[in-house]
Amino acid sequence: MVKAISFWSFPEGMSIEDRMKMAKEYGFEGIELTVEPEGEITPDSSPGEMQQFVEMAEEIGLELRTIASGLGWEYPACGPDPDVAAKGCEIIRRSLRLGAALGADTLLVVPCTVTADYPYDRAYDDVVETFSDLSEDADDAGVCIGLEYVWNKFLLSPLEFAEIIDEIGEDSVQAYFDVGNVVPNGYPDQWIRILDDRIKAVHIKDFRESIGTGSFDGFVDLLEGDVPWNAVMGALEEIGYDGPVTAEMMPPYSHHPERLIEATSRSMDAILGR
């Protein structure tokens, strides 16, 4: 497995190059870059502009296996406003092209959020239709769309998550599984076994249930929460997963942020058995 860390684990304002150097310094093998509203990589960036980051990663010694974006929260690909959904789909298309230019295998996508005005059954049907269409763009880019459950009131069980991927029925639309996100309403090792080879990329973070279900404050440093890490790693080995395992540690420390990167690296070594 590739030991990686997310762009979001570093302080805001730090350059991509400095994030890469810090990641390498503390023993990571990869970094997950992100498409941001502003900054060095945005939806308006060109694929050609990604070459500098490819060369940067090669020189520093990091892999760029996955790419993510938080823009799906503001511009979901599926939702009650068709104009917003159209923009969300276009952001995904552009992100796929940027991911291809970086050499990434998987793009993380939060497909939608169920709300009082956007019911669950409609969201389900829209996601099947929309991502069946977007699979053509993913195929063209050679980058898999990895759908993620992230407290968006959608895909609340591993059975449903597996079912919707199978209903979409495209190799280029699979699961981006986040270990910590499912702790409040399930057991991550069970999700892993049920999703099986639908999992194309993995995020890890830890969650302490005593802080309360649904509270962002429940996310704690690795090994300080209730994720059953031995069971999780056993399940990943059981399904034959050998891709990137990316620590998504948010928010960064307010002081001495390098300590979060160092602590995360050491904890990942323990979790990965290194």
Protein backbone atom coordinates (compact mmCIF):
# COMPACT_ATOMS: atom_id res chain seq x y z
CA MET A 1 0.00 0.00 0.00
CA VAL A 2 1.13 3.55 -0.72
CA LYS A 3 1.41 5.67 2.43
CA ALA A 4 0.06 9.09 1.46
CA ILE A 5 -1.24 12.29 3.03
CA SER A 6 -3.85 14.80 1.95
CA PHE A 7 -3.17 18.38 0.83
CA TRP A 8 -5.73 19.43 3.47
CA SER A 9 -3.53 18.14 6.31
CA PHE A 10 -1.18 21.09 5.88
CA PRO A 11 -1.65 24.74 6.91
CA GLU A 12 -3.62 26.98 4.59
CA GLY A 13 -1.37 29.09 2.42
CA MET A 14 1.52 26.61 2.28
CA SER A 15 2.65 26.01 -1.30
CA ILE A 16 2.28 22.64 -2.96
CA GLU A 17 6.06 22.35 -3.15
CA ASP A 18 6.46 22.98 0.58
CA ARG A 19 3.71 20.47 1.36
CA MET A 20 5.46 17.89 -0.80
CA LYS A 21 8.80 18.53 0.87
CA MET A 22 7.28 18.22 4.36
CA ALA A 23 5.45 15.04 3.38
CA LYS A 24 8.66 13.50 2.10
CA GLU A 25 10.66 14.67 5.12
CA TYR A 26 8.32 12.80 7.46
CA GLY A 27 8.26 9.58 5.51
CA PHE A 28 5.27 9.71 3.17
CA GLU A 29 5.33 8.06 -0.22
CA GLY A 30 2.53 10.05 -1.82
CA ILE A 31 0.43 13.18 -1.53
CA GLU A 32 -3.16 13.79 -2.57
CA LEU A 33 -3.43 17.13 -4.34
CA THR A 34 -6.76 18.97 -4.49
CA VAL A 35 -8.70 21.23 -6.84
CA GLU A 36 -9.44 24.40 -4.89
CA PRO A 37 -11.58 27.52 -5.52
CA GLU A 38 -8.35 29.54 -5.53
CA GLY A 39 -4.68 28.65 -5.51
CA GLU A 40 -2.24 26.65 -7.58
CA ILE A 41 -4.78 24.09 -8.86
CA THR A 42 -8.32 25.29 -9.63
CA PRO A 43 -11.03 24.21 -12.09
CA ASP A 44 -9.65 26.86 -14.44
CA SER A 45 -6.15 25.35 -14.41
CA SER A 46 -5.03 23.69 -17.62
CA PRO A 47 -3.78 20.12 -17.85
CA GLY A 48 -0.49 21.51 -19.17
CA GLU A 49 0.04 23.43 -15.96
CA MET A 50 0.07 20.15 -14.04
CA GLN A 51 3.41 19.12 -15.52
CA GLN A 52 5.24 21.30 -13.01
CA PHE A 53 3.70 19.34 -10.15
CA VAL A 54 4.46 16.02 -11.82
CA GLU A 55 8.12 17.02 -12.14
CA MET A 56 8.12 18.40 -8.61
CA ALA A 57 6.77 15.14 -7.20
CA GLU A 58 9.27 13.09 -9.19
CA GLU A 59 12.17 15.21 -7.97
CA ILE A 60 11.03 15.07 -4.33
CA GLY A 61 10.10 11.40 -4.57
CA LEU A 62 6.32 11.26 -4.11
CA GLU A 63 3.49 9.53 -5.95
CA LEU A 64 0.36 11.40 -7.10
CA ARG A 65 -2.10 8.52 -7.16
CA THR A 66 -5.28 10.37 -6.13
CA ILE A 67 -6.80 13.84 -6.44
CA ALA A 68 -9.66 15.40 -4.49
CA SER A 69 -11.81 18.51 -4.37
CA GLY A 70 -14.06 20.09 -1.78
CA LEU A 71 -16.00 21.97 -4.46
CA GLY A 72 -18.63 19.24 -4.51
CA TRP A 73 -20.11 20.70 -1.34
CA GLU A 74 -20.84 24.06 -2.99
CA TYR A 75 -21.47 22.63 -6.45
CA PRO A 76 -22.79 19.06 -6.09
CA ALA A 77 -23.22 17.14 -9.32
CA CYS A 78 -26.72 16.17 -8.20
CA GLY A 79 -29.19 18.41 -6.42
CA PRO A 80 -32.39 20.43 -6.65
CA ASP A 81 -30.85 23.31 -8.64
CA PRO A 82 -30.05 22.21 -12.21
CA ASP A 83 -27.68 25.13 -12.80
CA VAL A 84 -25.63 24.23 -9.72
CA ALA A 85 -25.63 20.55 -10.73
CA ALA A 86 -24.45 21.44 -14.25
CA LYS A 87 -21.57 23.44 -12.80
CA GLY A 88 -20.76 20.57 -10.44
CA CYS A 89 -20.58 18.15 -13.35
CA GLU A 90 -18.33 20.51 -15.27
CA ILE A 91 -15.99 20.80 -12.27
CA ILE A 92 -15.78 16.99 -12.17
CA ARG A 93 -14.97 16.86 -15.89
CA ARG A 94 -12.23 19.44 -15.51
CA SER A 95 -10.89 17.73 -12.39
CA LEU A 96 -10.72 14.42 -14.25
CA ARG A 97 -8.59 16.04 -16.93
CA LEU A 98 -6.33 17.62 -14.31
CA GLY A 99 -6.06 14.29 -12.52
CA ALA A 100 -5.08 12.58 -15.76
CA ALA A 101 -2.36 15.18 -16.32
CA LEU A 102 -1.04 14.50 -12.81
CA GLY A 103 -1.04 10.75 -13.45
CA ALA A 104 -3.71 10.10 -10.80
CA ASP A 105 -5.76 6.91 -10.76
CA THR A 106 -8.78 8.18 -8.80
CA LEU A 107 -10.71 11.43 -8.29
CA LEU A 108 -12.60 11.77 -5.00
CA VAL A 109 -16.17 13.00 -5.48
CA VAL A 110 -18.95 13.69 -2.96
CA PRO A 111 -21.94 13.09 -5.26
CA CYS A 112 -24.69 15.00 -3.45
CA THR A 113 -26.26 15.86 -0.11
CA VAL A 114 -29.76 14.79 0.87
CA THR A 115 -31.74 17.72 2.34
CA ALA A 116 -35.32 18.58 3.23
CA ASP A 117 -35.70 19.92 -0.31
CA TYR A 118 -33.79 17.11 -2.02
CA PRO A 119 -35.24 13.73 -0.99
CA TYR A 120 -33.23 10.54 -0.75
CA ASP A 121 -34.99 8.59 -3.50
CA ARG A 122 -34.59 11.41 -6.00
CA ALA A 123 -30.92 11.78 -5.04
CA TYR A 124 -30.36 8.06 -5.59
CA ASP A 125 -31.89 8.11 -9.09
CA ASP A 126 -30.05 11.31 -10.01
CA VAL A 127 -26.68 9.89 -8.89
CA VAL A 128 -27.18 6.74 -10.98
CA GLU A 129 -28.08 8.75 -14.07
CA THR A 130 -25.51 11.51 -13.63
CA PHE A 131 -22.53 9.31 -12.86
CA SER A 132 -23.42 6.86 -15.59
CA ASP A 133 -23.04 9.82 -17.94
CA LEU A 134 -19.87 11.12 -16.24
CA SER A 135 -18.30 7.68 -16.57
CA GLU A 136 -17.66 8.49 -20.23
CA ASP A 137 -15.55 11.47 -19.18
CA ALA A 138 -13.77 9.30 -16.63
CA ASP A 139 -13.06 6.69 -19.29
CA ASP A 140 -11.68 9.34 -21.63
CA ALA A 141 -9.42 10.68 -18.88
CA GLY A 142 -8.37 7.26 -17.65
CA VAL A 143 -9.20 8.34 -14.10
CA CYS A 144 -11.74 6.55 -11.90
CA ILE A 145 -14.44 8.59 -10.12
CA GLY A 146 -14.35 7.54 -6.47
CA LEU A 147 -17.66 8.26 -4.74
CA GLU A 148 -17.31 8.98 -1.03
CA TYR A 149 -19.68 8.88 1.92
CA VAL A 150 -18.90 11.88 4.09
CA TRP A 151 -21.85 12.71 6.39
CA ASN A 152 -23.93 13.89 3.44
CA LYS A 153 -27.01 11.91 4.56
CA PHE A 154 -26.59 9.65 1.53
CA LEU A 155 -25.21 6.13 1.07
CA LEU A 156 -25.73 5.45 4.76
CA SER A 157 -24.95 1.73 4.60
CA PRO A 158 -22.35 -0.40 2.83
CA LEU A 159 -25.09 -2.48 1.19
CA GLU A 160 -26.57 0.60 -0.45
CA PHE A 161 -23.14 1.92 -1.38
CA ALA A 162 -22.31 -1.34 -3.14
CA GLU A 163 -25.74 -1.45 -4.78
CA ILE A 164 -25.53 2.02 -6.33
CA ILE A 165 -22.07 1.33 -7.75
CA ASP A 166 -23.36 -1.90 -9.26
CA GLU A 167 -26.43 -0.11 -10.63
CA ILE A 168 -24.23 2.55 -12.28
CA GLY A 169 -22.37 -0.43 -13.68
CA GLU A 170 -19.25 1.32 -14.93
CA ASP A 171 -15.68 0.35 -14.07
CA SER A 172 -14.76 4.04 -13.97
CA VAL A 173 -17.19 4.84 -11.13
CA GLN A 174 -16.30 3.09 -7.88
CA ALA A 175 -15.84 3.81 -4.14
CA TYR A 176 -13.42 6.09 -2.36
CA PHE A 177 -13.70 4.65 1.14
CA ASP A 178 -13.06 6.77 4.23
CA VAL A 179 -12.43 4.65 7.33
CA GLY A 180 -13.21 7.32 9.92
CA ASN A 181 -16.33 8.71 8.27
CA VAL A 182 -18.35 5.53 8.81
CA VAL A 183 -17.55 4.95 12.49
CA PRO A 184 -20.60 6.87 13.81
CA ASN A 185 -22.98 4.58 11.91
CA GLY A 186 -21.11 1.36 11.24
CA TYR A 187 -18.00 -0.80 11.45
CA PRO A 188 -15.38 0.10 8.83
CA ASP A 189 -14.08 -3.43 8.43
CA GLN A 190 -17.62 -4.59 7.55
CA TRP A 191 -17.95 -1.81 4.98
CA ILE A 192 -14.62 -2.84 3.45
CA ARG A 193 -15.63 -6.49 3.06
CA ILE A 194 -19.01 -5.56 1.57
CA LEU A 195 -17.62 -2.97 -0.84
CA ASP A 196 -14.78 -5.37 -1.68
CA ASP A 197 -13.06 -4.65 -5.00
CA ARG A 198 -15.29 -1.63 -5.60
CA ILE A 199 -12.85 0.27 -3.34
CA LYS A 200 -10.33 2.15 -5.50
CA ALA A 201 -8.81 4.44 -2.87
CA VAL A 202 -8.82 4.77 0.91
CA HIS A 203 -8.81 7.73 3.29
CA ILE A 204 -7.92 7.16 6.91
CA LYS A 205 -8.70 9.25 9.94
CA ASP A 206 -9.76 8.33 13.47
CA PHE A 207 -13.00 9.08 15.32
CA ARG A 208 -13.86 9.04 19.03
CA GLU A 209 -17.49 8.00 19.47
CA SER A 210 -17.82 9.35 23.02
CA ILE A 211 -17.61 12.91 21.66
CA GLY A 212 -20.90 12.38 19.86
CA THR A 213 -22.22 11.12 16.57
CA GLY A 214 -22.05 13.70 13.82
CA SER A 215 -19.66 16.04 15.61
CA PHE A 216 -16.61 17.16 13.67
CA ASP A 217 -14.85 17.37 17.04
CA GLY A 218 -14.99 13.58 17.13
CA PHE A 219 -12.15 13.37 14.62
CA VAL A 220 -8.91 12.87 16.52
CA ASP A 221 -5.33 11.95 15.71
CA LEU A 222 -4.71 8.44 14.42
CA LEU A 223 -4.72 5.78 17.17
CA GLU A 224 -6.56 8.11 19.58
CA GLY A 225 -10.07 7.14 18.50
CA ASP A 226 -12.27 4.07 18.13
CA VAL A 227 -11.35 2.84 14.66
CA PRO A 228 -10.52 -0.89 15.01
CA TRP A 229 -7.30 -0.66 13.07
CA ASN A 230 -6.33 -4.34 13.21
CA ALA A 231 -9.76 -5.29 11.85
CA VAL A 232 -9.55 -2.58 9.17
CA MET A 233 -6.14 -3.70 7.95
CA GLY A 234 -7.22 -7.32 8.05
CA ALA A 235 -10.23 -6.50 5.88
CA LEU A 236 -8.15 -4.53 3.38
CA GLU A 237 -5.71 -7.43 3.10
CA GLU A 238 -8.62 -9.85 2.75
CA ILE A 239 -10.03 -8.02 -0.29
CA GLY A 240 -6.55 -7.67 -1.78
CA TYR A 241 -6.40 -3.88 -1.59
CA ASP A 242 -2.93 -2.56 -2.41
CA GLY A 243 -3.56 1.05 -3.45
CA PRO A 244 -3.01 4.40 -1.76
CA VAL A 245 -3.93 4.84 1.89
CA THR A 246 -4.19 8.59 2.41
CA ALA A 247 -4.35 10.27 5.80
CA GLU A 248 -6.85 13.12 5.75
CA MET A 249 -6.13 15.00 8.95
CA MET A 250 -8.21 18.13 9.42
CA PRO A 251 -7.86 20.76 10.61
CA PRO A 252 -4.07 21.21 10.75
CA TYR A 253 -2.50 22.09 14.08
CA SER A 254 -2.65 25.83 14.83
CA HIS A 255 0.92 25.76 16.15
CA HIS A 256 3.87 23.69 14.91
CA PRO A 257 1.80 22.02 12.15
CA GLU A 258 4.73 19.82 11.20
CA ARG A 259 4.09 17.84 14.38
CA LEU A 260 0.75 16.64 12.96
CA ILE A 261 2.51 15.38 9.83
CA GLU A 262 5.19 13.66 11.91
CA ALA A 263 2.70 12.06 14.32
CA THR A 264 0.47 10.92 11.46
CA SER A 265 3.41 9.31 9.69
CA ARG A 266 4.48 7.38 12.78
CA SER A 267 0.93 6.24 13.51
CA MET A 268 0.50 5.11 9.90
CA ASP A 269 3.67 3.05 10.18
CA ALA A 270 2.14 1.27 13.15
CA ILE A 271 -1.20 0.80 11.40
CA LEU A 272 0.44 -0.45 8.18
CA GLY A 273 2.80 -2.71 10.09
CA ARG A 274 6.01 -1.02 8.98
